[in-house]
C-alpha atoms as a PDB file:
ATOM      1  CA  UNK A   1      -9.376  75.158 -21.389  1.00  0.00           C
ATOM      2  CA  UNK A   2     -11.415  71.953 -21.756  1.00  0.00           C
ATOM      3  CA  UNK A   3      -8.349  70.160 -23.162  1.00  0.00           C
ATOM      4  CA  UNK A   4      -6.363  70.985 -20.025  1.00  0.00           C
ATOM      5  CA  UNK A   5      -9.167  69.782 -17.765  1.00  0.00           C
ATOM      6  CA  UNK A   6      -9.422  66.508 -19.697  1.00  0.00           C
ATOM      7  CA  UNK A   7      -5.657  66.004 -19.472  1.00  0.00           C
ATOM      8  CA  UNK A   8      -5.683  66.757 -15.757  1.00  0.00           C
ATOM      9  CA  UNK A   9      -8.474  64.252 -15.221  1.00  0.00           C
ATOM     10  CA  UNK A  10      -6.598  61.605 -17.192  1.00  0.00           C
ATOM     11  CA  UNK A  11      -3.427  62.235 -15.175  1.00  0.00           C
ATOM     12  CA  UNK A  12      -5.419  62.206 -11.939  1.00  0.00           C
ATOM     13  CA  UNK A  13      -7.046  58.916 -12.944  1.00  0.00           C
ATOM     14  CA  UNK A  14      -3.663  57.404 -13.845  1.00  0.00           C
ATOM     15  CA  UNK A  15      -2.255  58.445 -10.467  1.00  0.00           C
ATOM     16  CA  UNK A  16      -5.321  57.112  -8.679  1.00  0.00           C
ATOM     17  CA  UNK A  17      -5.141  53.797 -10.566  1.00  0.00           C
ATOM     18  CA  UNK A  18      -1.417  53.548  -9.851  1.00  0.00           C
ATOM     19  CA  UNK A  19      -1.937  54.200  -6.160  1.00  0.00           C
ATOM     20  CA  UNK A  20      -4.699  51.601  -6.113  1.00  0.00           C
ATOM     21  CA  UNK A  21      -2.433  49.066  -7.820  1.00  0.00           C
ATOM     22  CA  UNK A  22       0.368  49.656  -5.351  1.00  0.00           C
ATOM     23  CA  UNK A  23      -2.054  49.286  -2.460  1.00  0.00           C
ATOM     24  CA  UNK A  24      -3.596  46.129  -3.894  1.00  0.00           C
ATOM     25  CA  UNK A  25      -0.195  44.621  -4.635  1.00  0.00           C
ATOM     26  CA  UNK A  26       1.038  45.267  -1.144  1.00  0.00           C
ATOM     27  CA  UNK A  27      -2.070  43.532   0.188  1.00  0.00           C
ATOM     28  CA  UNK A  28      -1.709  40.760  -2.411  1.00  0.00           C
ATOM     29  CA  UNK A  29       1.736  39.714  -1.156  1.00  0.00           C
ATOM     30  CA  UNK A  30       1.468  39.006   2.565  1.00  0.00           C
ATOM     31  CA  UNK A  31       4.531  39.981   4.551  1.00  0.00           C
ATOM     32  CA  UNK A  32       5.098  36.437   5.789  1.00  0.00           C
ATOM     33  CA  UNK A  33       5.303  35.191   2.211  1.00  0.00           C
ATOM     34  CA  UNK A  34       7.658  37.887   1.014  1.00  0.00           C
ATOM     35  CA  UNK A  35      10.237  37.275   3.692  1.00  0.00           C
ATOM     36  CA  UNK A  36      10.786  33.610   2.943  1.00  0.00           C
ATOM     37  CA  UNK A  37      12.145  31.409   5.710  1.00  0.00           C
ATOM     38  CA  UNK A  38      12.789  33.565   8.743  1.00  0.00           C
ATOM     39  CA  UNK A  39      15.289  31.821  10.899  1.00  0.00           C
ATOM     40  CA  UNK A  40      17.007  28.599  11.667  1.00  0.00           C
ATOM     41  CA  UNK A  41      13.812  26.816  12.757  1.00  0.00           C
ATOM     42  CA  UNK A  42      12.104  27.602   9.452  1.00  0.00           C
ATOM     43  CA  UNK A  43      15.196  26.580   7.504  1.00  0.00           C
ATOM     44  CA  UNK A  44      15.333  23.299   9.410  1.00  0.00           C
ATOM     45  CA  UNK A  45      11.629  22.612   8.809  1.00  0.00           C
ATOM     46  CA  UNK A  46      12.153  23.343   5.121  1.00  0.00           C
ATOM     47  CA  UNK A  47      15.110  20.952   4.930  1.00  0.00           C
ATOM     48  CA  UNK A  48      13.186  18.253   6.784  1.00  0.00           C
ATOM     49  CA  UNK A  49      10.223  18.645   4.435  1.00  0.00           C
ATOM     50  CA  UNK A  50      12.438  18.395   1.351  1.00  0.00           C
ATOM     51  CA  UNK A  51      14.178  15.320   2.780  1.00  0.00           C
ATOM     52  CA  UNK A  52      10.817  13.686   3.520  1.00  0.00           C
ATOM     53  CA  UNK A  53       9.751  14.407  -0.059  1.00  0.00           C
ATOM     54  CA  UNK A  54      13.060  13.014  -1.315  1.00  0.00           C
ATOM     55  CA  UNK A  55      12.488   9.767   0.618  1.00  0.00           C
ATOM     56  CA  UNK A  56       8.969   9.462  -0.833  1.00  0.00           C
ATOM     57  CA  UNK A  57       9.875  10.402  -4.391  1.00  0.00           C
ATOM     58  CA  UNK A  58      13.115  12.135  -5.447  1.00  0.00           C
ATOM     59  CA  UNK A  59      11.507  13.701  -8.521  1.00  0.00           C
ATOM     60  CA  UNK A  60       8.769  15.149  -6.316  1.00  0.00           C
ATOM     61  CA  UNK A  61      11.393  16.776  -4.091  1.00  0.00           C
ATOM     62  CA  UNK A  62      13.135  18.230  -7.141  1.00  0.00           C
ATOM     63  CA  UNK A  63       9.812  19.590  -8.422  1.00  0.00           C
ATOM     64  CA  UNK A  64       9.064  21.162  -5.038  1.00  0.00           C
ATOM     65  CA  UNK A  65      12.470  22.871  -4.895  1.00  0.00           C
ATOM     66  CA  UNK A  66      12.043  24.168  -8.453  1.00  0.00           C
ATOM     67  CA  UNK A  67       8.573  25.561  -7.702  1.00  0.00           C
ATOM     68  CA  UNK A  68       9.678  27.036  -4.368  1.00  0.00           C
ATOM     69  CA  UNK A  69      12.674  28.750  -5.948  1.00  0.00           C
ATOM     70  CA  UNK A  70      10.571  30.105  -8.833  1.00  0.00           C
ATOM     71  CA  UNK A  71       8.092  31.523  -6.348  1.00  0.00           C
ATOM     72  CA  UNK A  72      10.830  33.115  -4.278  1.00  0.00           C
ATOM     73  CA  UNK A  73      12.255  34.677  -7.429  1.00  0.00           C
ATOM     74  CA  UNK A  74       8.808  35.979  -8.403  1.00  0.00           C
ATOM     75  CA  UNK A  75       8.415  37.524  -4.948  1.00  0.00           C
ATOM     76  CA  UNK A  76      11.808  39.227  -5.244  1.00  0.00           C
ATOM     77  CA  UNK A  77      10.931  40.526  -8.709  1.00  0.00           C
ATOM     78  CA  UNK A  78       7.576  41.804  -7.464  1.00  0.00           C
ATOM     79  CA  UNK A  79       9.200  43.570  -4.517  1.00  0.00           C
ATOM     80  CA  UNK A  80      11.731  45.181  -6.862  1.00  0.00           C
ATOM     81  CA  UNK A  81       8.940  46.339  -9.199  1.00  0.00           C
ATOM     82  CA  UNK A  82       6.964  47.719  -6.266  1.00  0.00           C
ATOM     83  CA  UNK A  83      10.022  49.613  -5.059  1.00  0.00           C
ATOM     84  CA  UNK A  84      10.675  51.023  -8.530  1.00  0.00           C
ATOM     85  CA  UNK A  85       7.060  52.045  -8.873  1.00  0.00           C
ATOM     86  CA  UNK A  86       7.076  53.686  -5.466  1.00  0.00           C
ATOM     87  CA  UNK A  87      10.318  55.515  -6.211  1.00  0.00           C
ATOM     88  CA  UNK A  88       9.162  56.744  -9.608  1.00  0.00           C
ATOM     89  CA  UNK A  89       7.504  60.100  -9.638  1.00  0.00           C
ATOM     90  CA  UNK A  90       3.959  60.407 -10.908  1.00  0.00           C
ATOM     91  CA  UNK A  91       5.188  61.262 -14.377  1.00  0.00           C
ATOM     92  CA  UNK A  92       7.299  58.070 -14.615  1.00  0.00           C
ATOM     93  CA  UNK A  93       4.910  55.612 -13.021  1.00  0.00           C
ATOM     94  CA  UNK A  94       3.175  54.936 -16.303  1.00  0.00           C
ATOM     95  CA  UNK A  95       6.516  53.619 -17.595  1.00  0.00           C
ATOM     96  CA  UNK A  96       6.998  51.104 -14.769  1.00  0.00           C
ATOM     97  CA  UNK A  97       3.371  50.061 -14.294  1.00  0.00           C
ATOM     98  CA  UNK A  98       3.733  47.366 -16.971  1.00  0.00           C
ATOM     99  CA  UNK A  99       6.700  45.825 -15.122  1.00  0.00           C
ATOM    100  CA  UNK A 100       4.698  45.902 -11.918  1.00  0.00           C
ATOM    101  CA  UNK A 101       1.723  44.184 -13.552  1.00  0.00           C
ATOM    102  CA  UNK A 102       3.977  41.559 -15.164  1.00  0.00           C
ATOM    103  CA  UNK A 103       5.659  40.913 -11.816  1.00  0.00           C
ATOM    104  CA  UNK A 104       2.259  40.541 -10.141  1.00  0.00           C
ATOM    105  CA  UNK A 105       1.118  38.050 -12.793  1.00  0.00           C
ATOM    106  CA  UNK A 106       4.343  36.051 -12.476  1.00  0.00           C
ATOM    107  CA  UNK A 107       3.954  35.981  -8.692  1.00  0.00           C
ATOM    108  CA  UNK A 108       0.364  34.741  -9.036  1.00  0.00           C
ATOM    109  CA  UNK A 109       1.378  32.138 -11.617  1.00  0.00           C
ATOM    110  CA  UNK A 110       4.278  30.773  -9.557  1.00  0.00           C
ATOM    111  CA  UNK A 111       2.217  30.796  -6.363  1.00  0.00           C
ATOM    112  CA  UNK A 112      -0.597  28.868  -8.036  1.00  0.00           C
ATOM    113  CA  UNK A 113       1.848  26.272  -9.378  1.00  0.00           C
ATOM    114  CA  UNK A 114       3.342  25.937  -5.894  1.00  0.00           C
ATOM    115  CA  UNK A 115      -0.110  25.540  -4.316  1.00  0.00           C
ATOM    116  CA  UNK A 116      -1.147  23.026  -6.989  1.00  0.00           C
ATOM    117  CA  UNK A 117       1.899  20.921  -6.123  1.00  0.00           C
ATOM    118  CA  UNK A 118       1.152  21.061  -2.385  1.00  0.00           C
ATOM    119  CA  UNK A 119      -2.555  20.318  -2.944  1.00  0.00           C
ATOM    120  CA  UNK A 120      -1.768  17.276  -5.102  1.00  0.00           C
ATOM    121  CA  UNK A 121       0.675  15.968  -2.492  1.00  0.00           C
ATOM    122  CA  UNK A 122      -1.863  16.531   0.293  1.00  0.00           C
ATOM    123  CA  UNK A 123      -4.558  14.716  -1.699  1.00  0.00           C
ATOM    124  CA  UNK A 124      -2.241  11.723  -2.164  1.00  0.00           C
ATOM    125  CA  UNK A 125      -1.435  11.755   1.550  1.00  0.00           C
ATOM    126  CA  UNK A 126      -5.130  11.983   2.420  1.00  0.00           C
ATOM    127  CA  UNK A 127      -5.918   9.040   0.138  1.00  0.00           C
ATOM    128  CA  UNK A 128      -3.198   6.954   1.847  1.00  0.00           C
ATOM    129  CA  UNK A 129      -4.598   7.893   5.266  1.00  0.00           C
ATOM    130  CA  UNK A 130      -8.122   6.988   4.169  1.00  0.00           C
ATOM    131  CA  UNK A 131      -6.896   3.611   2.902  1.00  0.00           C
ATOM    132  CA  UNK A 132      -5.092   3.008   6.175  1.00  0.00           C
ATOM    133  CA  UNK A 133      -8.164   4.041   8.185  1.00  0.00           C
ATOM    134  CA  UNK A 134     -10.301   1.607   6.179  1.00  0.00           C
ATOM    135  CA  UNK A 135      -7.745  -1.170   6.788  1.00  0.00           C
ATOM    136  CA  UNK A 136      -7.655  -0.456  10.526  1.00  0.00           C
ATOM    137  CA  UNK A 137     -11.458  -0.264  10.709  1.00  0.00           C
ATOM    138  CA  UNK A 138     -11.722  -3.726   9.130  1.00  0.00           C
ATOM    139  CA  UNK A 139      -9.091  -5.009  11.548  1.00  0.00           C
ATOM    140  CA  UNK A 140     -11.035  -3.623  14.526  1.00  0.00           C
ATOM    141  CA  UNK A 141     -14.231  -5.182  13.193  1.00  0.00           C
ATOM    142  CA  UNK A 142     -12.454  -8.534  12.888  1.00  0.00           C
ATOM    143  CA  UNK A 143     -11.132  -8.167  16.449  1.00  0.00           C
ATOM    144  CA  UNK A 144     -14.651  -7.412  17.666  1.00  0.00           C
ATOM    145  CA  UNK A 145     -15.959 -10.527  15.907  1.00  0.00           C
ATOM    146  CA  UNK A 146     -13.213 -12.721  17.394  1.00  0.00           C
ATOM    147  CA  UNK A 147     -13.730 -11.118  20.813  1.00  0.00           C
ATOM    148  CA  UNK A 148     -17.453 -11.894  20.685  1.00  0.00           C
ATOM    149  CA  UNK A 149     -16.715 -15.551  19.806  1.00  0.00           C
ATOM    150  CA  UNK A 150     -14.181 -15.868  22.626  1.00  0.00           C
ATOM    151  CA  UNK A 151     -16.506 -14.255  25.170  1.00  0.00           C
ATOM    152  CA  UNK A 152     -19.241 -16.624  24.011  1.00  0.00           C
ATOM    153  CA  UNK A 153     -16.930 -19.554  24.758  1.00  0.00           C
ATOM    154  CA  UNK A 154     -16.340 -18.255  28.305  1.00  0.00           C
ATOM    155  CA  UNK A 155     -20.056 -18.154  29.163  1.00  0.00           C
ATOM    156  CA  UNK A 156     -21.413 -21.199  30.899  1.00  0.00           C
ATOM    157  CA  UNK A 157     -24.175 -22.841  28.984  1.00  0.00           C
END
């Protein structure tokens, strides 16, 4: 009798863990990210972004496209694994849980690589903006100095 109770508990735990994993995975992949570009406006923004990257640095654009495509593939694989897991009965879920976990790890890995790329690009852009701000600040300071000298010349002594 105790053996049956222990087996039932183990099966119940496995089902509970599986349900938790499915729930956490569905939360872990936001719907907006799983759908990819949703319409002509998004497709156009994507094309414009890639073209802007290509003008800046062609290799950077190629890297972005590679990372984006890998992430999209990871999302598709994760969705497929989630569907298989959901369709499998409780007795088969233990067989597909490994695929689901692998798909989740691959999604996380590709998403992190994608974010790392975007963060690095944004940091470079921020540095350029900061340099330009410093240049403009110096220019405004020079204008203020020249303005003060010119106004001084206009004052009667």
